[in-house]
Full PDB file with SEQRES, HELIX, SHEET, SSBOND, CRYST1, ORIGX, SCALE, CONECT and MASTER records, all heavy atoms in Angstrom:
SEQRES   1 A   37  ALA GLU ILE ILE CYS TYR LEU GLY GLY CYS THR PHE GLY          
SEQRES   2 A   37  ILE TYR LEU ILE HIS ALA PHE PHE ARG ASP ILE LEU HIS          
SEQRES   3 A   37  ARG ALA GLY PHE ASP SER MET PHE ILE ASN ASN                  
HELIX    1 AA1 GLU A    2  ARG A   27  1                                  26    
CRYST1    1.000    1.000    1.000  90.00  90.00  90.00 P 1           1          
ORIGX1      1.000000  0.000000  0.000000        0.00000                         
ORIGX2      0.000000  1.000000  0.000000        0.00000                         
ORIGX3      0.000000  0.000000  1.000000        0.00000                         
SCALE1      1.000000  0.000000  0.000000        0.00000                         
SCALE2      0.000000  1.000000  0.000000        0.00000                         
SCALE3      0.000000  0.000000  1.000000        0.00000                         
ATOM      1  N   ALA A   1      81.741  83.883 106.655  1.00  0.00           N  
ATOM      2  CA  ALA A   1      83.044  84.539 106.778  1.00  0.00           C  
ATOM      3  C   ALA A   1      82.984  85.962 106.238  1.00  0.00           C  
ATOM      4  O   ALA A   1      83.576  86.891 106.816  1.00  0.00           O  
ATOM      5  CB  ALA A   1      84.103  83.738 106.031  1.00  0.00           C  
ATOM      6  N   GLU A   2      82.256  86.150 105.158  1.00  0.00           N  
ATOM      7  CA  GLU A   2      82.118  87.481 104.567  1.00  0.00           C  
ATOM      8  C   GLU A   2      81.381  88.418 105.523  1.00  0.00           C  
ATOM      9  O   GLU A   2      81.765  89.583 105.680  1.00  0.00           O  
ATOM     10  CB  GLU A   2      81.365  87.384 103.242  1.00  0.00           C  
ATOM     11  CG  GLU A   2      81.312  88.682 102.470  1.00  0.00           C  
ATOM     12  CD  GLU A   2      80.682  88.523 101.101  1.00  0.00           C  
ATOM     13  OE1 GLU A   2      80.433  87.374 100.685  1.00  0.00           O  
ATOM     14  OE2 GLU A   2      80.451  89.557 100.451  1.00  0.00           O  
ATOM     15  N   ILE A   3      80.335  87.909 106.186  1.00  0.00           N  
ATOM     16  CA  ILE A   3      79.585  88.726 107.143  1.00  0.00           C  
ATOM     17  C   ILE A   3      80.463  89.093 108.336  1.00  0.00           C  
ATOM     18  O   ILE A   3      80.478  90.248 108.785  1.00  0.00           O  
ATOM     19  CB  ILE A   3      78.322  87.977 107.621  1.00  0.00           C  
ATOM     20  CG1 ILE A   3      77.331  87.805 106.459  1.00  0.00           C  
ATOM     21  CG2 ILE A   3      77.656  88.711 108.781  1.00  0.00           C  
ATOM     22  CD1 ILE A   3      76.150  86.911 106.780  1.00  0.00           C  
ATOM     23  N   ILE A   4      81.208  88.113 108.854  1.00  0.00           N  
ATOM     24  CA  ILE A   4      82.090  88.351 109.996  1.00  0.00           C  
ATOM     25  C   ILE A   4      83.133  89.406 109.651  1.00  0.00           C  
ATOM     26  O   ILE A   4      83.388  90.332 110.431  1.00  0.00           O  
ATOM     27  CB  ILE A   4      82.773  87.038 110.433  1.00  0.00           C  
ATOM     28  CG1 ILE A   4      81.749  86.085 111.053  1.00  0.00           C  
ATOM     29  CG2 ILE A   4      83.906  87.319 111.429  1.00  0.00           C  
ATOM     30  CD1 ILE A   4      82.277  84.679 111.276  1.00  0.00           C  
ATOM     31  N   CYS A   5      83.716  89.284 108.473  1.00  0.00           N  
ATOM     32  CA  CYS A   5      84.753  90.231 108.061  1.00  0.00           C  
ATOM     33  C   CYS A   5      84.176  91.631 107.839  1.00  0.00           C  
ATOM     34  O   CYS A   5      84.838  92.636 108.128  1.00  0.00           O  
ATOM     35  CB  CYS A   5      85.456  89.727 106.805  1.00  0.00           C  
ATOM     36  SG  CYS A   5      86.449  88.242 107.088  1.00  0.00           S  
ATOM     37  N   TYR A   6      82.948  91.689 107.349  1.00  0.00           N  
ATOM     38  CA  TYR A   6      82.306  92.990 107.173  1.00  0.00           C  
ATOM     39  C   TYR A   6      82.076  93.652 108.532  1.00  0.00           C  
ATOM     40  O   TYR A   6      82.368  94.843 108.725  1.00  0.00           O  
ATOM     41  CB  TYR A   6      80.970  92.838 106.439  1.00  0.00           C  
ATOM     42  CG  TYR A   6      80.231  94.149 106.266  1.00  0.00           C  
ATOM     43  CD1 TYR A   6      80.573  95.026 105.233  1.00  0.00           C  
ATOM     44  CD2 TYR A   6      79.215  94.515 107.144  1.00  0.00           C  
ATOM     45  CE1 TYR A   6      79.912  96.243 105.089  1.00  0.00           C  
ATOM     46  CE2 TYR A   6      78.551  95.725 107.002  1.00  0.00           C  
ATOM     47  CZ  TYR A   6      78.905  96.585 105.962  1.00  0.00           C  
ATOM     48  OH  TYR A   6      78.251  97.789 105.828  1.00  0.00           O  
ATOM     49  N   LEU A   7      81.564  92.877 109.487  1.00  0.00           N  
ATOM     50  CA  LEU A   7      81.338  93.411 110.830  1.00  0.00           C  
ATOM     51  C   LEU A   7      82.660  93.820 111.479  1.00  0.00           C  
ATOM     52  O   LEU A   7      82.730  94.844 112.162  1.00  0.00           O  
ATOM     53  CB  LEU A   7      80.624  92.376 111.696  1.00  0.00           C  
ATOM     54  CG  LEU A   7      79.175  92.047 111.306  1.00  0.00           C  
ATOM     55  CD1 LEU A   7      78.628  90.937 112.183  1.00  0.00           C  
ATOM     56  CD2 LEU A   7      78.289  93.289 111.416  1.00  0.00           C  
ATOM     57  N   GLY A   8      83.689  93.012 111.263  1.00  0.00           N  
ATOM     58  CA  GLY A   8      85.001  93.360 111.781  1.00  0.00           C  
ATOM     59  C   GLY A   8      85.494  94.682 111.222  1.00  0.00           C  
ATOM     60  O   GLY A   8      86.113  95.489 111.920  1.00  0.00           O  
ATOM     61  N   GLY A   9      85.197  94.917 109.943  1.00  0.00           N  
ATOM     62  CA  GLY A   9      85.583  96.168 109.315  1.00  0.00           C  
ATOM     63  C   GLY A   9      84.813  97.376 109.824  1.00  0.00           C  
ATOM     64  O   GLY A   9      85.226  98.516 109.613  1.00  0.00           O  
ATOM     65  N   CYS A  10      83.697  97.125 110.505  1.00  0.00           N  
ATOM     66  CA  CYS A  10      82.881  98.213 111.064  1.00  0.00           C  
ATOM     67  C   CYS A  10      83.304  98.608 112.479  1.00  0.00           C  
ATOM     68  O   CYS A  10      82.823  99.618 113.010  1.00  0.00           O  
ATOM     69  CB  CYS A  10      81.404  97.814 111.082  1.00  0.00           C  
ATOM     70  SG  CYS A  10      80.641  97.672 109.453  1.00  0.00           S  
ATOM     71  N   THR A  11      84.166  97.818 113.102  1.00  0.00           N  
ATOM     72  CA  THR A  11      84.458  98.030 114.523  1.00  0.00           C  
ATOM     73  C   THR A  11      85.174  99.347 114.802  1.00  0.00           C  
ATOM     74  O   THR A  11      84.981  99.945 115.861  1.00  0.00           O  
ATOM     75  CB  THR A  11      85.289  96.868 115.094  1.00  0.00           C  
ATOM     76  OG1 THR A  11      86.468  96.678 114.289  1.00  0.00           O  
ATOM     77  CG2 THR A  11      84.482  95.578 115.105  1.00  0.00           C  
ATOM     78  N   PHE A  12      86.007  99.803 113.861  1.00  0.00           N  
ATOM     79  CA  PHE A  12      86.688 101.085 114.056  1.00  0.00           C  
ATOM     80  C   PHE A  12      85.655 102.201 114.183  1.00  0.00           C  
ATOM     81  O   PHE A  12      85.714 103.026 115.100  1.00  0.00           O  
ATOM     82  CB  PHE A  12      87.632 101.356 112.883  1.00  0.00           C  
ATOM     83  CG  PHE A  12      88.415 102.640 113.009  1.00  0.00           C  
ATOM     84  CD1 PHE A  12      89.318 102.824 114.039  1.00  0.00           C  
ATOM     85  CD2 PHE A  12      88.247 103.669 112.085  1.00  0.00           C  
ATOM     86  CE1 PHE A  12      90.052 104.010 114.157  1.00  0.00           C  
ATOM     87  CE2 PHE A  12      88.967 104.853 112.188  1.00  0.00           C  
ATOM     88  CZ  PHE A  12      89.869 105.029 113.224  1.00  0.00           C  
ATOM     89  N   GLY A  13      84.689 102.210 113.284  1.00  0.00           N  
ATOM     90  CA  GLY A  13      83.630 103.212 113.341  1.00  0.00           C  
ATOM     91  C   GLY A  13      82.760 103.065 114.572  1.00  0.00           C  
ATOM     92  O   GLY A  13      82.357 104.064 115.191  1.00  0.00           O  
ATOM     93  N   ILE A  14      82.452 101.823 114.952  1.00  0.00           N  
ATOM     94  CA  ILE A  14      81.647 101.583 116.155  1.00  0.00           C  
ATOM     95  C   ILE A  14      82.357 102.139 117.383  1.00  0.00           C  
ATOM     96  O   ILE A  14      81.739 102.788 118.237  1.00  0.00           O  
ATOM     97  CB  ILE A  14      81.363 100.078 116.332  1.00  0.00           C  
ATOM     98  CG1 ILE A  14      80.459  99.576 115.208  1.00  0.00           C  
ATOM     99  CG2 ILE A  14      80.721  99.796 117.694  1.00  0.00           C  
ATOM    100  CD1 ILE A  14      80.296  98.069 115.182  1.00  0.00           C  
ATOM    101  N   TYR A  15      83.651 101.890 117.459  1.00  0.00           N  
ATOM    102  CA  TYR A  15      84.439 102.403 118.576  1.00  0.00           C  
ATOM    103  C   TYR A  15      84.349 103.927 118.646  1.00  0.00           C  
ATOM    104  O   TYR A  15      84.172 104.516 119.724  1.00  0.00           O  
ATOM    105  CB  TYR A  15      85.904 101.981 118.431  1.00  0.00           C  
ATOM    106  CG  TYR A  15      86.793 102.479 119.544  1.00  0.00           C  
ATOM    107  CD1 TYR A  15      86.956 101.763 120.716  1.00  0.00           C  
ATOM    108  CD2 TYR A  15      87.470 103.697 119.418  1.00  0.00           C  
ATOM    109  CE1 TYR A  15      87.768 102.239 121.744  1.00  0.00           C  
ATOM    110  CE2 TYR A  15      88.275 104.186 120.443  1.00  0.00           C  
ATOM    111  CZ  TYR A  15      88.429 103.449 121.591  1.00  0.00           C  
ATOM    112  OH  TYR A  15      89.220 103.919 122.611  1.00  0.00           O  
ATOM    113  N   LEU A  16      84.443 104.576 117.495  1.00  0.00           N  
ATOM    114  CA  LEU A  16      84.457 106.036 117.467  1.00  0.00           C  
ATOM    115  C   LEU A  16      83.109 106.649 117.843  1.00  0.00           C  
ATOM    116  O   LEU A  16      83.055 107.655 118.538  1.00  0.00           O  
ATOM    117  CB  LEU A  16      84.867 106.515 116.071  1.00  0.00           C  
ATOM    118  CG  LEU A  16      86.300 106.166 115.641  1.00  0.00           C  
ATOM    119  CD1 LEU A  16      86.520 106.532 114.180  1.00  0.00           C  
ATOM    120  CD2 LEU A  16      87.312 106.876 116.529  1.00  0.00           C  
ATOM    121  N   ILE A  17      82.025 106.036 117.390  1.00  0.00           N  
ATOM    122  CA  ILE A  17      80.703 106.665 117.540  1.00  0.00           C  
ATOM    123  C   ILE A  17      79.916 106.153 118.742  1.00  0.00           C  
ATOM    124  O   ILE A  17      78.938 106.765 119.150  1.00  0.00           O  
ATOM    125  CB  ILE A  17      79.884 106.460 116.244  1.00  0.00           C  
ATOM    126  CG1 ILE A  17      78.786 107.534 116.127  1.00  0.00           C  
ATOM    127  CG2 ILE A  17      79.290 105.051 116.172  1.00  0.00           C  
ATOM    128  CD1 ILE A  17      78.076 107.541 114.786  1.00  0.00           C  
ATOM    129  N   HIS A  18      80.355 105.056 119.350  1.00  0.00           N  
ATOM    130  CA  HIS A  18      79.520 104.448 120.399  1.00  0.00           C  
ATOM    131  C   HIS A  18      79.349 105.365 121.611  1.00  0.00           C  
ATOM    132  O   HIS A  18      78.327 105.316 122.299  1.00  0.00           O  
ATOM    133  CB  HIS A  18      80.105 103.096 120.837  1.00  0.00           C  
ATOM    134  CG  HIS A  18      81.197 103.213 121.862  1.00  0.00           C  
ATOM    135  ND1 HIS A  18      82.514 103.436 121.533  1.00  0.00           N  
ATOM    136  CD2 HIS A  18      81.166 103.128 123.220  1.00  0.00           C  
ATOM    137  CE1 HIS A  18      83.247 103.498 122.636  1.00  0.00           C  
ATOM    138  NE2 HIS A  18      82.455 103.312 123.668  1.00  0.00           N  
ATOM    139  N   ALA A  19      80.339 106.216 121.883  1.00  0.00           N  
ATOM    140  CA  ALA A  19      80.233 107.116 123.039  1.00  0.00           C  
ATOM    141  C   ALA A  19      79.074 108.094 122.872  1.00  0.00           C  
ATOM    142  O   ALA A  19      78.450 108.510 123.861  1.00  0.00           O  
ATOM    143  CB  ALA A  19      81.546 107.878 123.224  1.00  0.00           C  
ATOM    144  N   PHE A  20      78.785 108.476 121.632  1.00  0.00           N  
ATOM    145  CA  PHE A  20      77.666 109.377 121.351  1.00  0.00           C  
ATOM    146  C   PHE A  20      76.340 108.705 121.706  1.00  0.00           C  
ATOM    147  O   PHE A  20      75.516 109.275 122.424  1.00  0.00           O  
ATOM    148  CB  PHE A  20      77.689 109.778 119.875  1.00  0.00           C  
ATOM    149  CG  PHE A  20      76.464 110.521 119.416  1.00  0.00           C  
ATOM    150  CD1 PHE A  20      76.219 111.818 119.837  1.00  0.00           C  
ATOM    151  CD2 PHE A  20      75.555 109.917 118.557  1.00  0.00           C  
ATOM    152  CE1 PHE A  20      75.088 112.513 119.411  1.00  0.00           C  
ATOM    153  CE2 PHE A  20      74.431 110.590 118.130  1.00  0.00           C  
ATOM    154  CZ  PHE A  20      74.189 111.889 118.558  1.00  0.00           C  
ATOM    155  N   PHE A  21      76.143 107.485 121.238  1.00  0.00           N  
ATOM    156  CA  PHE A  21      74.896 106.781 121.526  1.00  0.00           C  
ATOM    157  C   PHE A  21      74.805 106.396 123.000  1.00  0.00           C  
ATOM    158  O   PHE A  21      73.708 106.376 123.577  1.00  0.00           O  
ATOM    159  CB  PHE A  21      74.764 105.556 120.624  1.00  0.00           C  
ATOM    160  CG  PHE A  21      74.503 105.904 119.191  1.00  0.00           C  
ATOM    161  CD1 PHE A  21      75.486 105.753 118.231  1.00  0.00           C  
ATOM    162  CD2 PHE A  21      73.277 106.416 118.797  1.00  0.00           C  
ATOM    163  CE1 PHE A  21      75.252 106.099 116.908  1.00  0.00           C  
ATOM    164  CE2 PHE A  21      73.031 106.762 117.485  1.00  0.00           C  
ATOM    165  CZ  PHE A  21      74.022 106.609 116.529  1.00  0.00           C  
ATOM    166  N   ARG A  22      75.934 106.104 123.599  1.00  0.00           N  
ATOM    167  CA  ARG A  22      75.944 105.815 125.038  1.00  0.00           C  
ATOM    168  C   ARG A  22      75.403 107.001 125.810  1.00  0.00           C  
ATOM    169  O   ARG A  22      74.576 106.844 126.730  1.00  0.00           O  
ATOM    170  CB  ARG A  22      77.373 105.505 125.486  1.00  0.00           C  
ATOM    171  CG  ARG A  22      77.605 105.451 126.998  1.00  0.00           C  
ATOM    172  CD  ARG A  22      79.095 105.251 127.248  1.00  0.00           C  
ATOM    173  NE  ARG A  22      79.432 105.247 128.658  1.00  0.00           N  
ATOM    174  CZ  ARG A  22      79.800 106.324 129.352  1.00  0.00           C  
ATOM    175  NH1 ARG A  22      79.840 107.515 128.772  1.00  0.00           N  
ATOM    176  NH2 ARG A  22      80.120 106.224 130.626  1.00  0.00           N  
ATOM    177  N   ASP A  23      75.834 108.209 125.451  1.00  0.00           N  
ATOM    178  CA  ASP A  23      75.384 109.402 126.170  1.00  0.00           C  
ATOM    179  C   ASP A  23      73.932 109.729 125.860  1.00  0.00           C  
ATOM    180  O   ASP A  23      73.169 110.098 126.758  1.00  0.00           O  
ATOM    181  CB  ASP A  23      76.270 110.593 125.799  1.00  0.00           C  
ATOM    182  CG  ASP A  23      76.053 111.771 126.727  1.00  0.00           C  
ATOM    183  OD1 ASP A  23      76.423 111.666 127.907  1.00  0.00           O  
ATOM    184  OD2 ASP A  23      75.484 112.784 126.279  1.00  0.00           O  
ATOM    185  N   ILE A  24      73.550 109.581 124.597  1.00  0.00           N  
ATOM    186  CA  ILE A  24      72.162 109.850 124.208  1.00  0.00           C  
ATOM    187  C   ILE A  24      71.206 108.926 124.966  1.00  0.00           C  
ATOM    188  O   ILE A  24      70.185 109.362 125.529  1.00  0.00           O  
ATOM    189  CB  ILE A  24      71.968 109.663 122.687  1.00  0.00           C  
ATOM    190  CG1 ILE A  24      72.693 110.768 121.908  1.00  0.00           C  
ATOM    191  CG2 ILE A  24      70.485 109.638 122.320  1.00  0.00           C  
ATOM    192  CD1 ILE A  24      72.095 112.132 122.065  1.00  0.00           C  
ATOM    193  N   LEU A  25      71.516 107.641 124.992  1.00  0.00           N  
ATOM    194  CA  LEU A  25      70.672 106.675 125.692  1.00  0.00           C  
ATOM    195  C   LEU A  25      70.668 106.926 127.191  1.00  0.00           C  
ATOM    196  O   LEU A  25      69.627 106.802 127.861  1.00  0.00           O  
ATOM    197  CB  LEU A  25      71.160 105.249 125.389  1.00  0.00           C  
ATOM    198  CG  LEU A  25      70.956 104.784 123.941  1.00  0.00           C  
ATOM    199  CD1 LEU A  25      71.692 103.466 123.698  1.00  0.00           C  
ATOM    200  CD2 LEU A  25      69.469 104.617 123.632  1.00  0.00           C  
ATOM    201  N   HIS A  26      71.815 107.285 127.723  1.00  0.00           N  
ATOM    202  CA  HIS A  26      71.906 107.592 129.157  1.00  0.00           C  
ATOM    203  C   HIS A  26      71.003 108.763 129.524  1.00  0.00           C  
ATOM    204  O   HIS A  26      70.300 108.742 130.545  1.00  0.00           O  
ATOM    205  CB  HIS A  26      73.359 107.909 129.512  1.00  0.00           C  
ATOM    206  CG  HIS A  26      73.559 108.386 130.911  1.00  0.00           C  
ATOM    207  ND1 HIS A  26      73.334 107.592 132.011  1.00  0.00           N  
ATOM    208  CD2 HIS A  26      73.959 109.592 131.405  1.00  0.00           C  
ATOM    209  CE1 HIS A  26      73.584 108.276 133.119  1.00  0.00           C  
ATOM    210  NE2 HIS A  26      73.965 109.491 132.771  1.00  0.00           N  
ATOM    211  N   ARG A  27      70.993 109.801 128.707  1.00  0.00           N  
ATOM    212  CA  ARG A  27      70.157 110.973 128.958  1.00  0.00           C  
ATOM    213  C   ARG A  27      68.676 110.643 128.827  1.00  0.00           C  
ATOM    214  O   ARG A  27      67.827 111.322 129.418  1.00  0.00           O  
ATOM    215  CB  ARG A  27      70.549 112.105 128.006  1.00  0.00           C  
ATOM    216  CG  ARG A  27      71.909 112.684 128.287  1.00  0.00           C  
ATOM    217  CD  ARG A  27      72.337 113.742 127.280  1.00  0.00           C  
ATOM    218  NE  ARG A  27      73.659 114.227 127.589  1.00  0.00           N  
ATOM    219  CZ  ARG A  27      73.939 115.159 128.507  1.00  0.00           C  
ATOM    220  NH1 ARG A  27      72.938 115.722 129.168  1.00  0.00           N  
ATOM    221  NH2 ARG A  27      75.172 115.516 128.753  1.00  0.00           N  
ATOM    222  N   ALA A  28      68.386 109.580 128.058  1.00  0.00           N  
ATOM    223  CA  ALA A  28      66.994 109.144 127.908  1.00  0.00           C  
ATOM    224  C   ALA A  28      66.576 108.176 129.009  1.00  0.00           C  
ATOM    225  O   ALA A  28      65.448 107.679 129.022  1.00  0.00           O  
ATOM    226  CB  ALA A  28      66.796 108.503 126.541  1.00  0.00           C  
ATOM    227  N   GLY A  29      67.504 107.885 129.931  1.00  0.00           N  
ATOM    228  CA  GLY A  29      67.194 106.991 131.043  1.00  0.00           C  
ATOM    229  C   GLY A  29      67.484 105.533 130.778  1.00  0.00           C  
ATOM    230  O   GLY A  29      67.176 104.667 131.607  1.00  0.00           O  
ATOM    231  N   PHE A  30      68.094 105.246 129.630  1.00  0.00           N  
ATOM    232  CA  PHE A  30      68.404 103.855 129.287  1.00  0.00           C  
ATOM    233  C   PHE A  30      69.889 103.618 129.524  1.00  0.00           C  
ATOM    234  O   PHE A  30      70.730 103.825 128.655  1.00  0.00           O  
ATOM    235  CB  PHE A  30      68.034 103.573 127.826  1.00  0.00           C  
ATOM    236  CG  PHE A  30      68.160 102.124 127.431  1.00  0.00           C  
ATOM    237  CD1 PHE A  30      67.226 101.186 127.855  1.00  0.00           C  
ATOM    238  CD2 PHE A  30      69.211 101.686 126.641  1.00  0.00           C  
ATOM    239  CE1 PHE A  30      67.332  99.853 127.502  1.00  0.00           C  
ATOM    240  CE2 PHE A  30      69.332 100.352 126.269  1.00  0.00           C  
ATOM    241  CZ  PHE A  30      68.393  99.436 126.703  1.00  0.00           C  
ATOM    242  N   ASP A  31      70.220 103.192 130.730  1.00  0.00           N  
ATOM    243  CA  ASP A  31      71.614 102.934 131.069  1.00  0.00           C  
ATOM    244  C   ASP A  31      71.699 101.704 131.963  1.00  0.00           C  
ATOM    245  O   ASP A  31      70.741 100.924 132.050  1.00  0.00           O  
ATOM    246  CB  ASP A  31      72.256 104.155 131.733  1.00  0.00           C  
ATOM    247  CG  ASP A  31      71.541 104.584 133.008  1.00  0.00           C  
ATOM    248  OD1 ASP A  31      70.813 103.764 133.603  1.00  0.00           O  
ATOM    249  OD2 ASP A  31      71.717 105.749 133.417  1.00  0.00           O  
ATOM    250  N   SER A  32      72.823 101.509 132.609  1.00  0.00           N  
ATOM    251  CA  SER A  32      73.060 100.289 133.377  1.00  0.00           C  
ATOM    252  C   SER A  32      72.148 100.133 134.585  1.00  0.00           C  
ATOM    253  O   SER A  32      72.168  99.090 135.248  1.00  0.00           O  
ATOM    254  CB  SER A  32      74.523 100.239 133.847  1.00  0.00           C  
ATOM    255  OG  SER A  32      74.831 101.372 134.641  1.00  0.00           O  
ATOM    256  N   MET A  33      71.321 101.148 134.863  1.00  0.00           N  
ATOM    257  CA  MET A  33      70.383 101.061 135.983  1.00  0.00           C  
ATOM    258  C   MET A  33      68.937 101.241 135.513  1.00  0.00           C  
ATOM    259  O   MET A  33      68.067 101.606 136.302  1.00  0.00           O  
ATOM    260  CB  MET A  33      70.732 102.117 137.044  1.00  0.00           C  
ATOM    261  CG  MET A  33      72.052 101.862 137.755  1.00  0.00           C  
ATOM    262  SD  MET A  33      72.446 103.108 139.011  1.00  0.00           S  
ATOM    263  CE  MET A  33      71.150 102.813 140.220  1.00  0.00           C  
ATOM    264  N   PHE A  34      68.693 100.953 134.221  1.00  0.00           N  
ATOM    265  CA  PHE A  34      67.327 101.140 133.729  1.00  0.00           C  
ATOM    266  C   PHE A  34      66.367 100.086 134.292  1.00  0.00           C  
ATOM    267  O   PHE A  34      65.154 100.269 134.272  1.00  0.00           O  
ATOM    268  CB  PHE A  34      67.302 101.154 132.194  1.00  0.00           C  
ATOM    269  CG  PHE A  34      67.270  99.792 131.542  1.00  0.00           C  
ATOM    270  CD1 PHE A  34      66.070  99.236 131.102  1.00  0.00           C  
ATOM    271  CD2 PHE A  34      68.442  99.077 131.347  1.00  0.00           C  
ATOM    272  CE1 PHE A  34      66.041  97.991 130.489  1.00  0.00           C  
ATOM    273  CE2 PHE A  34      68.428  97.836 130.737  1.00  0.00           C  
ATOM    274  CZ  PHE A  34      67.213  97.282 130.312  1.00  0.00           C  
ATOM    275  N   ILE A  35      66.922  98.975 134.777  1.00  0.00           N  
ATOM    276  CA  ILE A  35      66.144  98.000 135.527  1.00  0.00           C  
ATOM    277  C   ILE A  35      66.907  97.665 136.799  1.00  0.00           C  
ATOM    278  O   ILE A  35      68.104  97.964 136.914  1.00  0.00           O  
ATOM    279  CB  ILE A  35      65.871  96.700 134.720  1.00  0.00           C  
ATOM    280  CG1 ILE A  35      67.198  96.063 134.276  1.00  0.00           C  
ATOM    281  CG2 ILE A  35      64.971  96.983 133.535  1.00  0.00           C  
ATOM    282  CD1 ILE A  35      67.002  94.720 133.585  1.00  0.00           C  
ATOM    283  N   ASN A  36      66.256  97.031 137.751  1.00  0.00           N  
ATOM    284  CA  ASN A  36      66.900  96.733 139.032  1.00  0.00           C  
ATOM    285  C   ASN A  36      68.027  95.711 138.910  1.00  0.00           C  
ATOM    286  O   ASN A  36      68.977  95.732 139.683  1.00  0.00           O  
ATOM    287  CB  ASN A  36      65.861  96.228 140.038  1.00  0.00           C  
ATOM    288  CG  ASN A  36      64.890  97.313 140.442  1.00  0.00           C  
ATOM    289  OD1 ASN A  36      65.248  98.489 140.457  1.00  0.00           O  
ATOM    290  ND2 ASN A  36      63.652  96.934 140.765  1.00  0.00           N  
ATOM    291  N   ASN A  37      67.912  94.800 137.932  1.00  0.00           N  
ATOM    292  CA  ASN A  37      68.916  93.754 137.781  1.00  0.00           C  
ATOM    293  C   ASN A  37      70.054  94.250 136.887  1.00  0.00           C  
ATOM    294  O   ASN A  37      69.983  94.182 135.654  1.00  0.00           O  
ATOM    295  CB  ASN A  37      68.274  92.501 137.174  1.00  0.00           C  
ATOM    296  CG  ASN A  37      69.190  91.291 137.272  1.00  0.00           C  
ATOM    297  OD1 ASN A  37      70.414  91.422 137.314  1.00  0.00           O  
ATOM    298  ND2 ASN A  37      68.592  90.107 137.314  1.00  0.00           N  
TER     299      ASN A  37                                                      
MASTER        0    0    0    1    0    0    0    6  298    1    0    3          
END                                                                             
């Protein structure tokens, strides 16, 4: 329960910063089409 609540407390930050990593990975070729499936 403590781990779940800690992760839950991180979601606000994850929401804010995930767009940055999404773009970085996309520019590196790692996106929804990095494999055929």
